[in-house]
Amino acid sequence: MSETLIPNIIEFMAAVDPFDKLTPKTLRDVAGMITIRYFGKGEVIDLQESDQLYLLRTGAVEQRNLDGTLRARLAAEDFFWFFSINTS
């Protein structure tokens, strides 16, 4: 993570529940571990990559069930988590 981006990330996260409850040091530590990703409209997030927590800064995401029905609509300051289940 670029050191120049960390203050901006801290400012954003400090206004989002539950991250606003972290101590300043923990918030800075977490901000330093973040990977920023940009997704275009209609792009599908590959959930096979690894365990991920997504925090939306701008835009919106639709979560869909396997049958294609809408599960949830998420927007700025919402977050969601996907994890891999290892069955081997």
N, C-alpha and C. Protein backbone atom coordinates (compact mmCIF):
# COMPACT_ATOMS: atom_id res chain seq x y z
N MET A 1 0.84 -1.17 0.00
CA MET A 1 0.00 0.00 0.00
C MET A 1 0.89 1.24 0.00
N SER A 2 0.57 2.17 -0.86
CA SER A 2 1.32 3.42 -0.91
C SER A 2 1.06 4.25 0.36
N GLU A 3 2.12 4.71 0.97
CA GLU A 3 2.00 5.52 2.19
C GLU A 3 1.18 6.78 1.95
N THR A 4 1.16 7.28 0.73
CA THR A 4 0.41 8.51 0.45
C THR A 4 -1.10 8.28 0.48
N LEU A 5 -1.54 7.04 0.29
CA LEU A 5 -2.98 6.73 0.31
C LEU A 5 -3.52 6.45 1.70
N ILE A 6 -2.65 6.08 2.62
CA ILE A 6 -3.11 5.65 3.95
C ILE A 6 -3.94 6.71 4.68
N PRO A 7 -3.53 7.98 4.72
CA PRO A 7 -4.37 8.96 5.42
C PRO A 7 -5.79 9.05 4.84
N ASN A 8 -5.91 8.94 3.54
CA ASN A 8 -7.22 8.99 2.89
C ASN A 8 -8.06 7.77 3.28
N ILE A 9 -7.44 6.61 3.33
CA ILE A 9 -8.13 5.38 3.72
C ILE A 9 -8.56 5.46 5.18
N ILE A 10 -7.68 5.94 6.04
CA ILE A 10 -8.01 6.08 7.46
C ILE A 10 -9.20 7.02 7.64
N GLU A 11 -9.19 8.13 6.94
CA GLU A 11 -10.29 9.09 7.05
C GLU A 11 -11.62 8.45 6.65
N PHE A 12 -11.61 7.70 5.56
CA PHE A 12 -12.84 7.03 5.12
C PHE A 12 -13.29 5.98 6.12
N MET A 13 -12.38 5.09 6.50
CA MET A 13 -12.75 4.00 7.41
C MET A 13 -13.18 4.50 8.79
N ALA A 14 -12.60 5.60 9.25
CA ALA A 14 -12.93 6.15 10.56
C ALA A 14 -14.37 6.64 10.63
N ALA A 15 -15.02 6.79 9.49
CA ALA A 15 -16.41 7.25 9.45
C ALA A 15 -17.40 6.11 9.21
N VAL A 16 -16.89 4.87 9.09
CA VAL A 16 -17.73 3.72 8.76
C VAL A 16 -17.79 2.76 9.96
N ASP A 17 -19.01 2.47 10.41
CA ASP A 17 -19.23 1.49 11.48
C ASP A 17 -18.97 0.09 10.92
N PRO A 18 -18.25 -0.76 11.54
CA PRO A 18 -17.69 -0.76 12.89
C PRO A 18 -16.23 -0.29 12.94
N PHE A 19 -15.67 0.09 11.80
CA PHE A 19 -14.26 0.50 11.77
C PHE A 19 -14.02 1.75 12.59
N ASP A 20 -15.05 2.55 12.79
CA ASP A 20 -14.92 3.78 13.58
C ASP A 20 -14.64 3.50 15.05
N LYS A 21 -14.79 2.25 15.45
CA LYS A 21 -14.56 1.88 16.84
C LYS A 21 -13.12 1.38 17.10
N LEU A 22 -12.34 1.28 16.05
CA LEU A 22 -10.95 0.84 16.19
C LEU A 22 -10.10 1.95 16.78
N THR A 23 -9.06 1.57 17.50
CA THR A 23 -8.12 2.57 18.00
C THR A 23 -7.39 3.19 16.82
N PRO A 24 -6.86 4.41 16.96
CA PRO A 24 -6.11 5.01 15.84
C PRO A 24 -4.97 4.13 15.33
N LYS A 25 -4.25 3.47 16.24
CA LYS A 25 -3.15 2.61 15.80
C LYS A 25 -3.66 1.41 15.01
N THR A 26 -4.72 0.77 15.50
CA THR A 26 -5.28 -0.39 14.79
C THR A 26 -5.83 0.04 13.44
N LEU A 27 -6.49 1.17 13.40
CA LEU A 27 -7.03 1.68 12.13
C LEU A 27 -5.91 1.92 11.13
N ARG A 28 -4.81 2.49 11.58
CA ARG A 28 -3.67 2.72 10.69
C ARG A 28 -3.07 1.40 10.23
N ASP A 29 -2.96 0.43 11.13
CA ASP A 29 -2.43 -0.89 10.77
C ASP A 29 -3.30 -1.55 9.71
N VAL A 30 -4.62 -1.51 9.93
CA VAL A 30 -5.55 -2.11 8.97
C VAL A 30 -5.48 -1.38 7.64
N ALA A 31 -5.46 -0.06 7.67
CA ALA A 31 -5.39 0.72 6.43
C ALA A 31 -4.15 0.38 5.62
N GLY A 32 -3.06 0.06 6.31
CA GLY A 32 -1.82 -0.29 5.62
C GLY A 32 -1.87 -1.66 4.96
N MET A 33 -2.85 -2.48 5.30
CA MET A 33 -2.97 -3.82 4.72
C MET A 33 -3.99 -3.89 3.58
N ILE A 34 -4.65 -2.79 3.31
CA ILE A 34 -5.74 -2.79 2.33
C ILE A 34 -5.21 -2.86 0.90
N THR A 35 -5.92 -3.60 0.09
CA THR A 35 -5.68 -3.61 -1.35
C THR A 35 -6.85 -2.90 -2.00
N ILE A 36 -6.56 -1.88 -2.78
CA ILE A 36 -7.62 -1.14 -3.47
C ILE A 36 -7.85 -1.78 -4.82
N ARG A 37 -9.12 -2.06 -5.09
CA ARG A 37 -9.48 -2.65 -6.39
C ARG A 37 -10.62 -1.86 -6.98
N TYR A 38 -10.60 -1.73 -8.28
CA TYR A 38 -11.66 -1.03 -9.00
C TYR A 38 -12.37 -2.04 -9.88
N PHE A 39 -13.69 -2.00 -9.86
CA PHE A 39 -14.50 -2.88 -10.69
C PHE A 39 -15.39 -2.03 -11.58
N GLY A 40 -15.51 -2.41 -12.82
CA GLY A 40 -16.38 -1.70 -13.75
C GLY A 40 -17.81 -2.18 -13.65
N LYS A 41 -18.71 -1.37 -14.17
CA LYS A 41 -20.13 -1.72 -14.16
C LYS A 41 -20.32 -3.06 -14.87
N GLY A 42 -21.04 -3.97 -14.22
CA GLY A 42 -21.32 -5.28 -14.79
C GLY A 42 -20.23 -6.31 -14.57
N GLU A 43 -19.11 -5.90 -14.02
CA GLU A 43 -18.01 -6.83 -13.78
C GLU A 43 -18.36 -7.77 -12.63
N VAL A 44 -17.98 -9.02 -12.78
CA VAL A 44 -18.24 -10.03 -11.76
C VAL A 44 -16.99 -10.19 -10.91
N ILE A 45 -17.16 -10.18 -9.59
CA ILE A 45 -16.05 -10.37 -8.67
C ILE A 45 -15.79 -11.86 -8.55
N ASP A 46 -14.55 -12.26 -8.81
CA ASP A 46 -14.16 -13.67 -8.73
C ASP A 46 -14.03 -14.06 -7.26
N LEU A 47 -14.94 -14.87 -6.79
CA LEU A 47 -14.96 -15.24 -5.38
C LEU A 47 -14.06 -16.42 -5.07
N GLN A 48 -13.37 -16.93 -6.07
CA GLN A 48 -12.47 -18.07 -5.85
C GLN A 48 -11.08 -17.63 -5.43
N GLU A 49 -10.81 -16.31 -5.44
CA GLU A 49 -9.45 -15.82 -5.18
C GLU A 49 -8.97 -16.20 -3.79
N SER A 50 -9.66 -15.83 -2.77
CA SER A 50 -9.31 -16.14 -1.38
C SER A 50 -10.31 -15.44 -0.47
N ASP A 51 -10.10 -15.57 0.82
CA ASP A 51 -10.96 -14.87 1.76
C ASP A 51 -10.78 -13.37 1.58
N GLN A 52 -11.88 -12.66 1.43
CA GLN A 52 -11.82 -11.22 1.18
C GLN A 52 -12.93 -10.51 1.92
N LEU A 53 -12.61 -9.35 2.49
CA LEU A 53 -13.60 -8.43 3.01
C LEU A 53 -13.62 -7.25 2.05
N TYR A 54 -14.79 -6.94 1.51
CA TYR A 54 -14.93 -5.83 0.58
C TYR A 54 -15.66 -4.70 1.27
N LEU A 55 -15.08 -3.50 1.22
CA LEU A 55 -15.69 -2.29 1.77
C LEU A 55 -15.88 -1.34 0.60
N LEU A 56 -17.11 -0.99 0.32
CA LEU A 56 -17.41 -0.14 -0.83
C LEU A 56 -17.23 1.33 -0.49
N ARG A 57 -16.41 1.98 -1.28
CA ARG A 57 -16.24 3.42 -1.08
C ARG A 57 -17.21 4.19 -1.95
N THR A 58 -17.36 3.77 -3.18
CA THR A 58 -18.33 4.38 -4.10
C THR A 58 -18.96 3.28 -4.93
N GLY A 59 -20.05 3.60 -5.56
CA GLY A 59 -20.71 2.65 -6.45
C GLY A 59 -21.65 1.73 -5.72
N ALA A 60 -21.98 0.64 -6.38
CA ALA A 60 -22.93 -0.33 -5.82
C ALA A 60 -22.57 -1.72 -6.30
N VAL A 61 -23.03 -2.70 -5.53
CA VAL A 61 -22.80 -4.12 -5.84
C VAL A 61 -24.12 -4.85 -5.64
N GLU A 62 -24.40 -5.76 -6.54
CA GLU A 62 -25.54 -6.67 -6.36
C GLU A 62 -24.98 -8.04 -6.05
N GLN A 63 -25.48 -8.65 -4.99
CA GLN A 63 -25.15 -10.04 -4.70
C GLN A 63 -26.29 -10.89 -5.25
N ARG A 64 -25.93 -11.94 -5.96
CA ARG A 64 -26.94 -12.80 -6.57
C ARG A 64 -26.80 -14.22 -6.04
N ASN A 65 -27.93 -14.89 -5.85
CA ASN A 65 -27.94 -16.30 -5.49
C ASN A 65 -27.50 -17.12 -6.69
N LEU A 66 -27.21 -18.39 -6.48
CA LEU A 66 -26.76 -19.25 -7.57
C LEU A 66 -27.79 -19.32 -8.71
N ASP A 67 -29.08 -19.18 -8.38
CA ASP A 67 -30.11 -19.22 -9.42
C ASP A 67 -30.31 -17.87 -10.11
N GLY A 68 -29.49 -16.87 -9.75
CA GLY A 68 -29.54 -15.57 -10.40
C GLY A 68 -30.46 -14.56 -9.73
N THR A 69 -31.23 -14.98 -8.74
CA THR A 69 -32.12 -14.03 -8.06
C THR A 69 -31.30 -13.10 -7.17
N LEU A 70 -31.83 -11.91 -6.98
CA LEU A 70 -31.14 -10.91 -6.19
C LEU A 70 -31.12 -11.29 -4.72
N ARG A 71 -29.94 -11.27 -4.12
CA ARG A 71 -29.78 -11.55 -2.69
C ARG A 71 -29.70 -10.26 -1.90
N ALA A 72 -28.91 -9.28 -2.42
CA ALA A 72 -28.76 -8.00 -1.73
C ALA A 72 -28.20 -6.95 -2.69
N ARG A 73 -28.53 -5.70 -2.41
CA ARG A 73 -27.92 -4.56 -3.10
C ARG A 73 -27.14 -3.78 -2.05
N LEU A 74 -25.89 -3.52 -2.35
CA LEU A 74 -25.02 -2.83 -1.42
C LEU A 74 -24.50 -1.55 -2.06
N ALA A 75 -24.24 -0.54 -1.23
CA ALA A 75 -23.76 0.75 -1.74
C ALA A 75 -22.63 1.26 -0.87
N ALA A 76 -22.22 2.50 -1.10
CA ALA A 76 -21.10 3.10 -0.38
C ALA A 76 -21.24 2.89 1.13
N GLU A 77 -20.12 2.55 1.75
CA GLU A 77 -19.97 2.28 3.17
C GLU A 77 -20.54 0.93 3.61
N ASP A 78 -21.11 0.16 2.69
CA ASP A 78 -21.51 -1.21 3.01
C ASP A 78 -20.28 -2.10 2.83
N PHE A 79 -20.29 -3.22 3.51
CA PHE A 79 -19.20 -4.18 3.31
C PHE A 79 -19.78 -5.58 3.29
N PHE A 80 -19.03 -6.46 2.66
CA PHE A 80 -19.44 -7.86 2.57
C PHE A 80 -18.20 -8.72 2.54
N TRP A 81 -18.38 -9.97 2.92
CA TRP A 81 -17.25 -10.88 3.06
C TRP A 81 -17.56 -12.18 2.35
N PHE A 82 -16.57 -12.68 1.64
CA PHE A 82 -16.67 -14.00 1.02
C PHE A 82 -15.47 -14.80 1.49
N PHE A 83 -15.69 -16.06 1.76
CA PHE A 83 -14.58 -16.90 2.17
C PHE A 83 -14.65 -18.21 1.42
N SER A 84 -13.48 -18.79 1.25
CA SER A 84 -13.36 -20.07 0.56
C SER A 84 -13.62 -21.18 1.57
N ILE A 85 -14.31 -22.19 1.14
CA ILE A 85 -14.52 -23.37 1.98
C ILE A 85 -13.70 -24.50 1.36
N ASN A 86 -12.73 -24.94 2.10
CA ASN A 86 -11.87 -26.02 1.62
C ASN A 86 -12.50 -27.34 2.03
N THR A 87 -12.95 -28.13 1.05
CA THR A 87 -13.60 -29.39 1.36
C THR A 87 -12.69 -30.59 1.14
N SER A 88 -11.41 -30.34 0.84
CA SER A 88 -10.51 -31.47 0.60
C SER A 88 -9.92 -32.01 1.88
